[in-house]
N, C-alpha and C. Protein backbone atom coordinates (compact mmCIF):
# COMPACT_ATOMS: atom_id res chain seq x y z
N MET A 1 0.84 -1.18 0.00
CA MET A 1 0.00 0.00 0.00
C MET A 1 0.89 1.24 0.00
N GLN A 2 0.55 2.17 -0.84
CA GLN A 2 1.34 3.38 -0.96
C GLN A 2 0.51 4.58 -0.51
N ALA A 3 1.15 5.45 0.26
CA ALA A 3 0.45 6.65 0.74
C ALA A 3 0.06 7.52 -0.44
N GLY A 4 -1.06 8.23 -0.34
CA GLY A 4 -1.57 9.05 -1.43
C GLY A 4 -0.59 10.10 -1.91
N PHE A 5 0.11 10.74 -0.98
CA PHE A 5 1.04 11.78 -1.40
C PHE A 5 2.23 11.19 -2.15
N LEU A 6 2.59 9.95 -1.86
CA LEU A 6 3.69 9.31 -2.59
C LEU A 6 3.31 9.05 -4.04
N SER A 7 2.08 8.62 -4.27
CA SER A 7 1.61 8.39 -5.64
C SER A 7 1.56 9.69 -6.42
N PHE A 8 1.05 10.74 -5.77
CA PHE A 8 0.94 12.02 -6.45
C PHE A 8 2.32 12.57 -6.82
N TYR A 9 3.24 12.55 -5.87
CA TYR A 9 4.56 13.12 -6.16
C TYR A 9 5.40 12.22 -7.06
N ASP A 10 5.07 10.93 -7.10
CA ASP A 10 5.69 10.07 -8.10
C ASP A 10 5.27 10.54 -9.49
N GLY A 11 4.00 10.88 -9.65
CA GLY A 11 3.50 11.42 -10.92
C GLY A 11 4.14 12.75 -11.26
N VAL A 12 4.27 13.63 -10.27
CA VAL A 12 4.89 14.93 -10.50
C VAL A 12 6.32 14.76 -10.99
N LEU A 13 7.08 13.90 -10.34
CA LEU A 13 8.48 13.70 -10.74
C LEU A 13 8.59 13.00 -12.09
N SER A 14 7.66 12.11 -12.42
CA SER A 14 7.67 11.45 -13.73
C SER A 14 7.43 12.45 -14.85
N VAL A 15 6.46 13.33 -14.65
CA VAL A 15 6.17 14.35 -15.67
C VAL A 15 7.35 15.31 -15.79
N ALA A 16 7.92 15.72 -14.67
CA ALA A 16 9.06 16.63 -14.71
C ALA A 16 10.26 15.99 -15.41
N GLN A 17 10.48 14.70 -15.19
CA GLN A 17 11.57 14.00 -15.85
C GLN A 17 11.36 13.97 -17.36
N ALA A 18 10.14 13.65 -17.78
CA ALA A 18 9.84 13.62 -19.22
C ALA A 18 9.98 15.01 -19.83
N ARG A 19 9.54 16.01 -19.10
CA ARG A 19 9.64 17.39 -19.59
C ARG A 19 11.09 17.83 -19.72
N THR A 20 11.93 17.45 -18.77
CA THR A 20 13.35 17.79 -18.83
C THR A 20 14.01 17.16 -20.04
N ALA A 21 13.67 15.91 -20.32
CA ALA A 21 14.23 15.23 -21.50
C ALA A 21 13.81 15.92 -22.79
N LEU A 22 12.55 16.34 -22.87
CA LEU A 22 12.08 17.03 -24.08
C LEU A 22 12.73 18.40 -24.24
N VAL A 23 12.90 19.13 -23.15
CA VAL A 23 13.56 20.44 -23.23
C VAL A 23 15.00 20.26 -23.69
N ALA A 24 15.68 19.27 -23.16
CA ALA A 24 17.06 18.99 -23.58
C ALA A 24 17.12 18.63 -25.07
N ASN A 25 16.15 17.85 -25.54
CA ASN A 25 16.09 17.49 -26.95
C ASN A 25 15.81 18.72 -27.82
N ASN A 26 14.93 19.59 -27.34
CA ASN A 26 14.65 20.82 -28.08
C ASN A 26 15.90 21.69 -28.20
N ILE A 27 16.64 21.83 -27.12
CA ILE A 27 17.87 22.63 -27.14
C ILE A 27 18.89 22.01 -28.08
N ALA A 28 19.01 20.69 -28.03
CA ALA A 28 19.98 20.00 -28.89
C ALA A 28 19.64 20.17 -30.38
N ASN A 29 18.37 20.36 -30.70
CA ASN A 29 17.95 20.50 -32.09
C ASN A 29 17.60 21.94 -32.46
N ALA A 30 18.13 22.90 -31.73
CA ALA A 30 17.81 24.31 -31.98
C ALA A 30 18.24 24.76 -33.37
N ASP A 31 19.25 24.14 -33.95
CA ASP A 31 19.74 24.52 -35.27
C ASP A 31 19.34 23.54 -36.37
N THR A 32 18.48 22.58 -36.06
CA THR A 32 18.04 21.59 -37.04
C THR A 32 16.89 22.17 -37.87
N PRO A 33 17.08 22.28 -39.17
CA PRO A 33 15.99 22.83 -40.01
C PRO A 33 14.74 21.96 -39.93
N GLY A 34 13.60 22.61 -39.78
CA GLY A 34 12.32 21.92 -39.75
C GLY A 34 11.95 21.27 -38.43
N PHE A 35 12.81 21.40 -37.42
CA PHE A 35 12.52 20.76 -36.13
C PHE A 35 11.41 21.52 -35.41
N LYS A 36 10.47 20.79 -34.83
CA LYS A 36 9.37 21.37 -34.07
C LYS A 36 9.55 21.03 -32.60
N ALA A 37 9.53 22.05 -31.75
CA ALA A 37 9.71 21.86 -30.31
C ALA A 37 8.52 21.11 -29.72
N MET A 38 8.82 20.24 -28.75
CA MET A 38 7.79 19.47 -28.06
C MET A 38 7.85 19.77 -26.57
N ASP A 39 6.73 19.55 -25.90
CA ASP A 39 6.65 19.78 -24.47
C ASP A 39 5.62 18.83 -23.89
N VAL A 40 5.67 18.69 -22.59
CA VAL A 40 4.67 17.92 -21.85
C VAL A 40 3.83 18.93 -21.08
N PRO A 41 2.54 19.04 -21.34
CA PRO A 41 1.70 19.95 -20.56
C PRO A 41 1.69 19.50 -19.10
N PHE A 42 2.40 20.21 -18.27
CA PHE A 42 2.68 19.76 -16.90
C PHE A 42 1.42 19.53 -16.08
N ASP A 43 0.55 20.52 -16.00
CA ASP A 43 -0.63 20.41 -15.13
C ASP A 43 -1.55 19.27 -15.54
N ALA A 44 -1.81 19.15 -16.83
CA ALA A 44 -2.72 18.11 -17.30
C ALA A 44 -2.14 16.72 -17.05
N ASN A 45 -0.84 16.57 -17.27
CA ASN A 45 -0.23 15.26 -17.09
C ASN A 45 -0.06 14.88 -15.62
N VAL A 46 0.18 15.86 -14.76
CA VAL A 46 0.27 15.53 -13.33
C VAL A 46 -1.08 15.03 -12.83
N ALA A 47 -2.16 15.67 -13.28
CA ALA A 47 -3.49 15.22 -12.88
C ALA A 47 -3.74 13.80 -13.37
N ALA A 48 -3.32 13.49 -14.58
CA ALA A 48 -3.50 12.14 -15.12
C ALA A 48 -2.61 11.13 -14.41
N GLN A 49 -1.40 11.55 -14.04
CA GLN A 49 -0.44 10.66 -13.40
C GLN A 49 -0.78 10.37 -11.94
N ALA A 50 -1.56 11.24 -11.31
CA ALA A 50 -1.83 11.10 -9.88
C ALA A 50 -2.42 9.73 -9.54
N GLY A 51 -3.27 9.21 -10.40
CA GLY A 51 -3.87 7.92 -10.12
C GLY A 51 -3.21 6.77 -10.84
N ASP A 52 -2.41 7.04 -11.86
CA ASP A 52 -1.83 5.99 -12.69
C ASP A 52 -0.35 6.26 -12.87
N THR A 53 0.49 5.68 -12.01
CA THR A 53 1.93 5.94 -12.06
C THR A 53 2.63 5.16 -13.16
N GLY A 54 1.94 4.23 -13.82
CA GLY A 54 2.58 3.44 -14.86
C GLY A 54 2.51 4.04 -16.24
N SER A 55 1.71 5.08 -16.42
CA SER A 55 1.57 5.66 -17.76
C SER A 55 2.69 6.64 -18.06
N THR A 56 2.95 6.82 -19.34
CA THR A 56 3.98 7.74 -19.79
C THR A 56 3.34 9.07 -20.16
N PRO A 57 3.92 10.20 -19.69
CA PRO A 57 3.35 11.49 -20.06
C PRO A 57 3.36 11.69 -21.57
N ALA A 58 2.29 12.24 -22.11
CA ALA A 58 2.16 12.44 -23.55
C ALA A 58 2.79 13.75 -23.98
N ALA A 59 3.75 13.68 -24.90
CA ALA A 59 4.39 14.88 -25.44
C ALA A 59 3.54 15.45 -26.56
N GLN A 60 3.57 16.78 -26.66
CA GLN A 60 2.81 17.47 -27.69
C GLN A 60 3.68 18.55 -28.31
N TYR A 61 3.39 18.87 -29.57
CA TYR A 61 4.08 20.00 -30.20
C TYR A 61 3.60 21.29 -29.57
N ARG A 62 4.49 22.25 -29.47
CA ARG A 62 4.12 23.55 -28.94
C ARG A 62 3.35 24.33 -30.01
N ALA A 63 2.22 24.85 -29.63
CA ALA A 63 1.37 25.55 -30.60
C ALA A 63 1.68 27.04 -30.70
N ASP A 64 2.31 27.60 -29.67
CA ASP A 64 2.50 29.04 -29.63
C ASP A 64 3.89 29.50 -30.08
N ALA A 65 4.68 28.62 -30.66
CA ALA A 65 6.05 28.95 -31.03
C ALA A 65 6.11 29.71 -32.36
N THR A 66 7.09 30.59 -32.45
CA THR A 66 7.33 31.33 -33.69
C THR A 66 8.27 30.51 -34.57
N VAL A 67 7.86 30.27 -35.80
CA VAL A 67 8.64 29.45 -36.72
C VAL A 67 9.61 30.34 -37.50
N GLY A 68 10.88 29.93 -37.54
CA GLY A 68 11.90 30.68 -38.28
C GLY A 68 11.86 30.36 -39.76
N LEU A 69 12.74 30.99 -40.52
CA LEU A 69 12.80 30.78 -41.96
C LEU A 69 13.16 29.34 -42.33
N ASP A 70 13.92 28.67 -41.47
CA ASP A 70 14.30 27.29 -41.75
C ASP A 70 13.26 26.27 -41.28
N GLY A 71 12.13 26.75 -40.76
CA GLY A 71 11.07 25.85 -40.30
C GLY A 71 11.23 25.40 -38.87
N ASN A 72 12.28 25.83 -38.19
CA ASN A 72 12.54 25.46 -36.81
C ASN A 72 11.82 26.45 -35.89
N ASP A 73 11.18 25.93 -34.85
CA ASP A 73 10.46 26.82 -33.93
C ASP A 73 11.02 26.82 -32.51
N VAL A 74 12.26 26.38 -32.34
CA VAL A 74 12.88 26.33 -31.01
C VAL A 74 13.44 27.70 -30.66
N SER A 75 13.05 28.21 -29.51
CA SER A 75 13.59 29.46 -28.96
C SER A 75 14.44 29.08 -27.76
N LEU A 76 15.74 29.35 -27.83
CA LEU A 76 16.62 28.98 -26.73
C LEU A 76 16.24 29.69 -25.43
N ASP A 77 15.80 30.93 -25.53
CA ASP A 77 15.38 31.65 -24.33
C ASP A 77 14.18 30.97 -23.68
N SER A 78 13.19 30.58 -24.48
CA SER A 78 12.02 29.89 -23.94
C SER A 78 12.40 28.54 -23.33
N GLU A 79 13.31 27.85 -23.98
CA GLU A 79 13.74 26.54 -23.47
C GLU A 79 14.47 26.69 -22.13
N ARG A 80 15.27 27.74 -22.00
CA ARG A 80 15.96 27.98 -20.72
C ARG A 80 14.94 28.26 -19.61
N VAL A 81 13.92 29.03 -19.92
CA VAL A 81 12.88 29.33 -18.93
C VAL A 81 12.15 28.04 -18.55
N GLU A 82 11.80 27.22 -19.53
CA GLU A 82 11.13 25.94 -19.26
C GLU A 82 12.00 25.03 -18.40
N ALA A 83 13.30 24.99 -18.70
CA ALA A 83 14.22 24.15 -17.93
C ALA A 83 14.30 24.63 -16.48
N ALA A 84 14.35 25.93 -16.29
CA ALA A 84 14.42 26.49 -14.93
C ALA A 84 13.13 26.20 -14.16
N GLN A 85 11.98 26.37 -14.81
CA GLN A 85 10.70 26.10 -14.14
C GLN A 85 10.58 24.63 -13.76
N THR A 86 10.97 23.77 -14.66
CA THR A 86 10.89 22.33 -14.38
C THR A 86 11.83 21.95 -13.26
N GLY A 87 13.02 22.54 -13.24
CA GLY A 87 13.97 22.28 -12.16
C GLY A 87 13.42 22.72 -10.81
N GLU A 88 12.75 23.86 -10.78
CA GLU A 88 12.13 24.33 -9.54
C GLU A 88 11.02 23.39 -9.09
N GLN A 89 10.22 22.90 -10.03
CA GLN A 89 9.14 21.98 -9.69
C GLN A 89 9.70 20.67 -9.15
N MET A 90 10.77 20.18 -9.76
CA MET A 90 11.39 18.94 -9.28
C MET A 90 11.99 19.14 -7.89
N SER A 91 12.63 20.26 -7.69
CA SER A 91 13.24 20.56 -6.39
C SER A 91 12.17 20.66 -5.30
N ALA A 92 11.08 21.33 -5.60
CA ALA A 92 10.00 21.47 -4.63
C ALA A 92 9.39 20.11 -4.29
N ALA A 93 9.17 19.28 -5.30
CA ALA A 93 8.60 17.95 -5.06
C ALA A 93 9.55 17.09 -4.23
N ALA A 94 10.83 17.14 -4.54
CA ALA A 94 11.81 16.35 -3.79
C ALA A 94 11.90 16.83 -2.34
N THR A 95 11.86 18.14 -2.12
CA THR A 95 11.91 18.68 -0.77
C THR A 95 10.68 18.25 0.03
N PHE A 96 9.50 18.33 -0.59
CA PHE A 96 8.28 17.90 0.08
C PHE A 96 8.34 16.42 0.43
N LEU A 97 8.78 15.60 -0.51
CA LEU A 97 8.87 14.16 -0.25
C LEU A 97 9.85 13.85 0.87
N HIS A 98 10.98 14.53 0.87
CA HIS A 98 11.99 14.32 1.91
C HIS A 98 11.41 14.66 3.29
N GLN A 99 10.78 15.81 3.39
CA GLN A 99 10.23 16.23 4.68
C GLN A 99 9.08 15.33 5.12
N SER A 100 8.22 14.95 4.17
CA SER A 100 7.07 14.11 4.51
C SER A 100 7.51 12.74 4.98
N THR A 101 8.48 12.15 4.31
CA THR A 101 8.94 10.83 4.75
C THR A 101 9.69 10.92 6.06
N ALA A 102 10.43 12.00 6.30
CA ALA A 102 11.11 12.18 7.58
C ALA A 102 10.08 12.30 8.70
N ASP A 103 8.99 13.06 8.46
CA ASP A 103 7.93 13.18 9.46
C ASP A 103 7.25 11.84 9.71
N LEU A 104 7.04 11.07 8.66
CA LEU A 104 6.41 9.76 8.79
C LEU A 104 7.29 8.81 9.61
N ILE A 105 8.58 8.82 9.36
CA ILE A 105 9.51 7.97 10.12
C ILE A 105 9.52 8.38 11.59
N THR A 106 9.52 9.68 11.85
CA THR A 106 9.50 10.17 13.23
C THR A 106 8.22 9.72 13.93
N ALA A 107 7.10 9.77 13.24
CA ALA A 107 5.83 9.37 13.84
C ALA A 107 5.78 7.87 14.13
N LEU A 108 6.49 7.09 13.37
CA LEU A 108 6.46 5.63 13.55
C LEU A 108 7.44 5.12 14.60
N ARG A 109 8.36 5.95 15.02
CA ARG A 109 9.32 5.53 16.04
C ARG A 109 8.62 5.39 17.40
N PRO A 110 9.05 4.42 18.19
CA PRO A 110 8.44 4.28 19.51
C PRO A 110 8.85 5.45 20.41
N ASN A 111 7.99 5.76 21.35
CA ASN A 111 8.26 6.84 22.29
C ASN A 111 9.31 6.38 23.29
N PRO A 112 10.47 7.05 23.35
CA PRO A 112 11.52 6.59 24.27
C PRO A 112 11.15 6.71 25.75
N SER A 113 10.24 7.60 26.10
CA SER A 113 9.89 7.75 27.52
C SER A 113 8.82 6.74 27.95
N GLY A 114 8.25 6.03 26.97
CA GLY A 114 7.27 4.99 27.30
C GLY A 114 5.86 5.51 27.56
N ASN A 115 5.60 6.77 27.32
CA ASN A 115 4.26 7.33 27.55
C ASN A 115 3.36 7.10 26.37
């Protein structure tokens, strides 16, 4: 049996991991003609992942990107912002999980005074 918050934050970290991989791929292909940037819609996928930790987040093409003359729509500035936001989300989730599990372990320890 897994605690509810563990399932939820497992989903959060899975989506953030997939998003980080896509952002890295977008940056790597910033000079590739015709390349279309992809992303994982974070909020929608976290909601879907909350109950189903076995599914893979669905990547989608970005609809709001400006396409250059070579057909590439990757903006390095936008990708840097996305990478920073995803890093903050991963850090927050990891911090919450660390504190929550530490509190859970403390609660499960026997009382040394015997009361």
